[in-house]
C-alpha atoms as a PDB file:
ATOM      1  CA  MET A   1       6.025  14.127   4.190  1.00  0.00           C
ATOM      2  CA  LYS A   2       9.375  12.739   5.138  1.00  0.00           C
ATOM      3  CA  ILE A   3      10.860  13.484   8.702  1.00  0.00           C
ATOM      4  CA  GLY A   4      14.473  12.935   9.359  1.00  0.00           C
ATOM      5  CA  VAL A   5      15.268  11.364  12.739  1.00  0.00           C
ATOM      6  CA  VAL A   6      18.891  11.561  14.484  1.00  0.00           C
ATOM      7  CA  SER A   7      19.963  10.947  17.812  1.00  0.00           C
ATOM      8  CA  ASP A   8      23.102  10.860  20.210  1.00  0.00           C
ATOM      9  CA  THR A   9      25.482  12.726  17.710  1.00  0.00           C
ATOM     10  CA  HIS A  10      27.953  13.603  20.853  1.00  0.00           C
ATOM     11  CA  ASN A  11      29.891  16.328  18.999  1.00  0.00           C
ATOM     12  CA  ASN A  12      30.953  14.065  16.315  1.00  0.00           C
ATOM     13  CA  GLN A  13      31.732  16.885  13.914  1.00  0.00           C
ATOM     14  CA  ARG A  14      32.530  14.648  11.054  1.00  0.00           C
ATOM     15  CA  ASN A  15      29.237  12.358  11.375  1.00  0.00           C
ATOM     16  CA  ILE A  16      27.223  15.414  11.794  1.00  0.00           C
ATOM     17  CA  GLU A  17      28.566  16.720   8.233  1.00  0.00           C
ATOM     18  CA  LYS A  18      27.567  13.299   6.827  1.00  0.00           C
ATOM     19  CA  ILE A  19      24.070  13.352   8.408  1.00  0.00           C
ATOM     20  CA  ILE A  20      23.343  16.798   7.015  1.00  0.00           C
ATOM     21  CA  SER A  21      24.567  15.806   3.528  1.00  0.00           C
ATOM     22  CA  ILE A  22      22.338  12.553   3.616  1.00  0.00           C
ATOM     23  CA  PHE A  23      19.204  14.543   4.974  1.00  0.00           C
ATOM     24  CA  ASN A  24      19.731  17.028   2.338  1.00  0.00           C
ATOM     25  CA  GLN A  25      20.173  14.465  -0.071  1.00  0.00           C
ATOM     26  CA  GLU A  26      16.847  12.669   1.018  1.00  0.00           C
ATOM     27  CA  GLN A  27      15.066  16.071   0.696  1.00  0.00           C
ATOM     28  CA  VAL A  28      13.387  15.735   4.309  1.00  0.00           C
ATOM     29  CA  ASP A  29      10.887  18.284   5.300  1.00  0.00           C
ATOM     30  CA  LEU A  30      11.880  18.386   8.912  1.00  0.00           C
ATOM     31  CA  VAL A  31      14.741  16.929  10.916  1.00  0.00           C
ATOM     32  CA  ILE A  32      14.152  15.828  14.577  1.00  0.00           C
ATOM     33  CA  HIS A  33      17.037  15.458  16.923  1.00  0.00           C
ATOM     34  CA  THR A  34      16.337  13.121  20.151  1.00  0.00           C
ATOM     35  CA  GLY A  35      19.072  14.778  22.010  1.00  0.00           C
ATOM     36  CA  ASP A  36      22.857  14.318  23.275  1.00  0.00           C
ATOM     37  CA  ILE A  37      24.026  17.082  20.741  1.00  0.00           C
ATOM     38  CA  ALA A  38      26.857  17.645  23.360  1.00  0.00           C
ATOM     39  CA  SER A  39      28.207  20.990  22.047  1.00  0.00           C
ATOM     40  CA  SER A  40      26.848  24.372  20.589  1.00  0.00           C
ATOM     41  CA  SER A  41      29.404  24.190  17.909  1.00  0.00           C
ATOM     42  CA  ALA A  42      28.185  20.642  16.813  1.00  0.00           C
ATOM     43  CA  LEU A  43      24.615  22.133  17.070  1.00  0.00           C
ATOM     44  CA  GLU A  44      25.511  25.237  14.815  1.00  0.00           C
ATOM     45  CA  ARG A  45      26.581  22.894  12.231  1.00  0.00           C
ATOM     46  CA  PHE A  46      22.925  21.807  11.567  1.00  0.00           C
ATOM     47  CA  SER A  47      22.312  25.308  10.417  1.00  0.00           C
ATOM     48  CA  LYS A  48      23.294  23.711   6.942  1.00  0.00           C
ATOM     49  CA  LEU A  49      20.182  21.569   6.694  1.00  0.00           C
ATOM     50  CA  ASN A  50      17.940  22.515   3.955  1.00  0.00           C
ATOM     51  CA  CYS A  51      14.855  22.353   6.425  1.00  0.00           C
ATOM     52  CA  LYS A  52      13.589  23.117   9.915  1.00  0.00           C
ATOM     53  CA  LEU A  53      15.371  21.288  12.860  1.00  0.00           C
ATOM     54  CA  ILE A  54      13.484  20.525  16.236  1.00  0.00           C
ATOM     55  CA  GLY A  55      14.253  18.335  19.088  1.00  0.00           C
ATOM     56  CA  VAL A  56      15.018  17.630  22.627  1.00  0.00           C
ATOM     57  CA  TYR A  57      17.703  17.866  24.921  1.00  0.00           C
ATOM     58  CA  GLY A  58      19.574  14.826  26.322  1.00  0.00           C
ATOM     59  CA  ASN A  59      21.223  13.940  29.439  1.00  0.00           C
ATOM     60  CA  ASN A  60      24.542  15.205  27.959  1.00  0.00           C
ATOM     61  CA  ASP A  61      23.132  18.490  26.982  1.00  0.00           C
ATOM     62  CA  ARG A  62      21.735  19.789  30.196  1.00  0.00           C
ATOM     63  CA  GLU A  63      25.149  21.112  31.412  1.00  0.00           C
ATOM     64  CA  GLU A  64      26.363  22.474  28.137  1.00  0.00           C
ATOM     65  CA  ASP A  65      26.382  26.117  27.879  1.00  0.00           C
ATOM     66  CA  GLY A  66      25.449  28.082  24.480  1.00  0.00           C
ATOM     67  CA  LEU A  67      23.132  25.367  23.250  1.00  0.00           C
ATOM     68  CA  ASN A  68      19.946  27.585  23.802  1.00  0.00           C
ATOM     69  CA  GLU A  69      21.709  30.753  22.100  1.00  0.00           C
ATOM     70  CA  VAL A  70      22.671  28.609  19.120  1.00  0.00           C
ATOM     71  CA  ALA A  71      18.950  27.202  18.798  1.00  0.00           C
ATOM     72  CA  ASN A  72      17.550  30.498  19.272  1.00  0.00           C
ATOM     73  CA  LYS A  73      19.870  32.118  16.584  1.00  0.00           C
ATOM     74  CA  ASN A  74      19.085  29.347  13.678  1.00  0.00           C
ATOM     75  CA  ASN A  75      15.419  29.254  14.470  1.00  0.00           C
ATOM     76  CA  PHE A  76      15.852  25.742  15.872  1.00  0.00           C
ATOM     77  CA  ILE A  77      13.086  24.677  18.573  1.00  0.00           C
ATOM     78  CA  PHE A  78      14.737  22.700  21.201  1.00  0.00           C
ATOM     79  CA  GLN A  79      13.328  21.912  24.564  1.00  0.00           C
ATOM     80  CA  GLU A  80      13.543  19.474  27.630  1.00  0.00           C
ATOM     81  CA  PRO A  81      11.538  16.336  27.014  1.00  0.00           C
ATOM     82  CA  PRO A  82       8.759  15.348  26.320  1.00  0.00           C
ATOM     83  CA  TYR A  83       8.056  17.287  23.518  1.00  0.00           C
ATOM     84  CA  PRO A  84       4.687  16.734  21.901  1.00  0.00           C
ATOM     85  CA  ILE A  85       3.921  17.910  18.284  1.00  0.00           C
ATOM     86  CA  THR A  86       1.081  17.255  15.710  1.00  0.00           C
ATOM     87  CA  ILE A  87       2.177  17.076  12.124  1.00  0.00           C
ATOM     88  CA  LEU A  88      -0.393  16.126   9.211  1.00  0.00           C
ATOM     89  CA  ASP A  89      -2.578  14.881  12.004  1.00  0.00           C
ATOM     90  CA  ARG A  90      -0.247  12.569  13.515  1.00  0.00           C
ATOM     91  CA  LYS A  91       0.441  12.806  17.179  1.00  0.00           C
ATOM     92  CA  ILE A  92       4.358  12.727  17.840  1.00  0.00           C
ATOM     93  CA  VAL A  93       6.077  12.768  21.170  1.00  0.00           C
ATOM     94  CA  ILE A  94       9.859  13.126  21.413  1.00  0.00           C
ATOM     95  CA  PHE A  95      12.100  11.731  24.376  1.00  0.00           C
ATOM     96  CA  HIS A  96      15.729  11.315  24.895  1.00  0.00           C
ATOM     97  CA  GLU A  97      15.608   8.726  27.656  1.00  0.00           C
ATOM     98  CA  PRO A  98      13.045   6.064  27.001  1.00  0.00           C
ATOM     99  CA  GLU A  99      12.364   5.574  30.780  1.00  0.00           C
ATOM    100  CA  LEU A 100       9.745   8.045  30.822  1.00  0.00           C
ATOM    101  CA  ILE A 101       7.527   6.983  27.823  1.00  0.00           C
ATOM    102  CA  GLU A 102       5.125   4.185  29.438  1.00  0.00           C
ATOM    103  CA  GLN A 103       3.954   6.879  32.025  1.00  0.00           C
ATOM    104  CA  TYR A 104       3.646   9.523  29.412  1.00  0.00           C
ATOM    105  CA  LEU A 105       1.614   7.284  27.201  1.00  0.00           C
ATOM    106  CA  GLN A 106      -0.766   6.097  30.251  1.00  0.00           C
ATOM    107  CA  ASP A 107      -1.602   9.781  30.726  1.00  0.00           C
ATOM    108  CA  ASN A 108      -1.545  10.876  27.052  1.00  0.00           C
ATOM    109  CA  PRO A 109      -3.436   8.296  24.734  1.00  0.00           C
ATOM    110  CA  ASN A 110      -3.919   8.714  21.171  1.00  0.00           C
ATOM    111  CA  VAL A 111      -0.260   9.169  20.380  1.00  0.00           C
ATOM    112  CA  ASP A 112       0.965   7.809  16.934  1.00  0.00           C
ATOM    113  CA  ILE A 113       4.866   8.222  17.064  1.00  0.00           C
ATOM    114  CA  VAL A 114       7.317   7.990  19.871  1.00  0.00           C
ATOM    115  CA  LEU A 115      10.644   8.964  18.861  1.00  0.00           C
ATOM    116  CA  HIS A 116      13.623   8.556  21.386  1.00  0.00           C
ATOM    117  CA  GLY A 117      17.372   8.230  21.454  1.00  0.00           C
ATOM    118  CA  HIS A 118      19.915   7.636  24.561  1.00  0.00           C
ATOM    119  CA  THR A 119      20.259   3.845  24.272  1.00  0.00           C
ATOM    120  CA  HIS A 120      22.319   4.107  21.110  1.00  0.00           C
ATOM    121  CA  ARG A 121      20.355   1.309  20.027  1.00  0.00           C
ATOM    122  CA  TYR A 122      17.983   0.604  17.140  1.00  0.00           C
ATOM    123  CA  ARG A 123      14.227   0.331  17.634  1.00  0.00           C
ATOM    124  CA  ASN A 124      11.443   0.222  15.119  1.00  0.00           C
ATOM    125  CA  GLU A 125       8.374  -1.490  16.547  1.00  0.00           C
ATOM    126  CA  ASN A 126       4.481  -1.009  16.723  1.00  0.00           C
ATOM    127  CA  LYS A 127       3.123  -1.443  20.269  1.00  0.00           C
ATOM    128  CA  LYS A 128      -0.536  -1.182  20.584  1.00  0.00           C
ATOM    129  CA  GLY A 129      -0.833   1.080  17.434  1.00  0.00           C
ATOM    130  CA  VAL A 130       2.046   3.285  18.515  1.00  0.00           C
ATOM    131  CA  LEU A 131       5.291   3.293  16.354  1.00  0.00           C
ATOM    132  CA  PHE A 132       8.525   3.389  18.660  1.00  0.00           C
ATOM    133  CA  PHE A 133      11.429   4.477  16.682  1.00  0.00           C
ATOM    134  CA  ASN A 134      14.985   5.094  17.450  1.00  0.00           C
ATOM    135  CA  PRO A 135      17.490   5.101  14.731  1.00  0.00           C
ATOM    136  CA  GLY A 136      20.589   3.979  16.762  1.00  0.00           C
ATOM    137  CA  GLU A 137      24.044   4.839  16.821  1.00  0.00           C
ATOM    138  CA  SER A 138      25.192   8.078  14.886  1.00  0.00           C
ATOM    139  CA  ALA A 139      28.432   9.110  16.779  1.00  0.00           C
ATOM    140  CA  GLY A 140      30.437   5.882  16.362  1.00  0.00           C
ATOM    141  CA  MET A 141      33.980   5.649  14.809  1.00  0.00           C
ATOM    142  CA  LEU A 142      33.140   2.843  12.591  1.00  0.00           C
ATOM    143  CA  LYS A 143      32.059   3.686   9.063  1.00  0.00           C
ATOM    144  CA  GLY A 144      28.952   2.080   7.781  1.00  0.00           C
ATOM    145  CA  ARG A 145      27.858   1.083  11.339  1.00  0.00           C
ATOM    146  CA  ASN A 146      26.153   4.699  12.074  1.00  0.00           C
ATOM    147  CA  ALA A 147      22.765   5.204  11.209  1.00  0.00           C
ATOM    148  CA  LEU A 148      19.980   7.846  11.127  1.00  0.00           C
ATOM    149  CA  GLY A 149      16.259   7.482  10.186  1.00  0.00           C
ATOM    150  CA  VAL A 150      13.818   8.721   7.787  1.00  0.00           C
ATOM    151  CA  LEU A 151      10.156   8.562   8.436  1.00  0.00           C
ATOM    152  CA  SER A 152       7.206   8.764   6.187  1.00  0.00           C
ATOM    153  CA  LEU A 153       4.087  10.289   7.801  1.00  0.00           C
ATOM    154  CA  LEU A 154       1.931   9.001   5.377  1.00  0.00           C
ATOM    155  CA  ASP A 155       2.353   5.362   5.726  1.00  0.00           C
ATOM    156  CA  LEU A 156       4.275   5.519   9.211  1.00  0.00           C
ATOM    157  CA  LYS A 157       7.100   3.532   7.789  1.00  0.00           C
ATOM    158  CA  ALA A 158      10.781   4.224   9.245  1.00  0.00           C
ATOM    159  CA  GLU A 159      13.689   3.634   7.095  1.00  0.00           C
ATOM    160  CA  ARG A 160      17.361   3.259   8.506  1.00  0.00           C
ATOM    161  CA  ILE A 161      20.100   4.749   6.521  1.00  0.00           C
ATOM    162  CA  PHE A 162      23.617   3.529   7.415  1.00  0.00           C
ATOM    163  CA  PHE A 163      26.853   5.945   6.871  1.00  0.00           C
END
């Protein structure tokens, strides 16, 4: 199973179109957004995905009106972080801000994957058997410097795709 991971799209409509195209081309089974969508119209664009979308709200989403309505209309599942899920026996927890991760892991052992955003910086590391992944910047204006991630749940390999 392949999961698409994207973060911090920050209402960059042009980049969101590219993100959707890449995920559809990669034929991911699920897309996880780790927060900071920043507008309901940006979230609405993700309805063009050929798979399910889930995620968490980021600090720039908490004041935005209409996100819940768009999510509900399109059967997207979004909530405040942390958002723990299990897929193919892999325990995944989704955050936006990374500051809460360590405490969560102390209270909730046996997590396999931690996904987060917020920093706009790439992170792909394994610490004590837990994969930490943030694909990095996706809302920038420099072509070829934006990235999203594709994560294989079978072998826990995360790939970064630039656009």
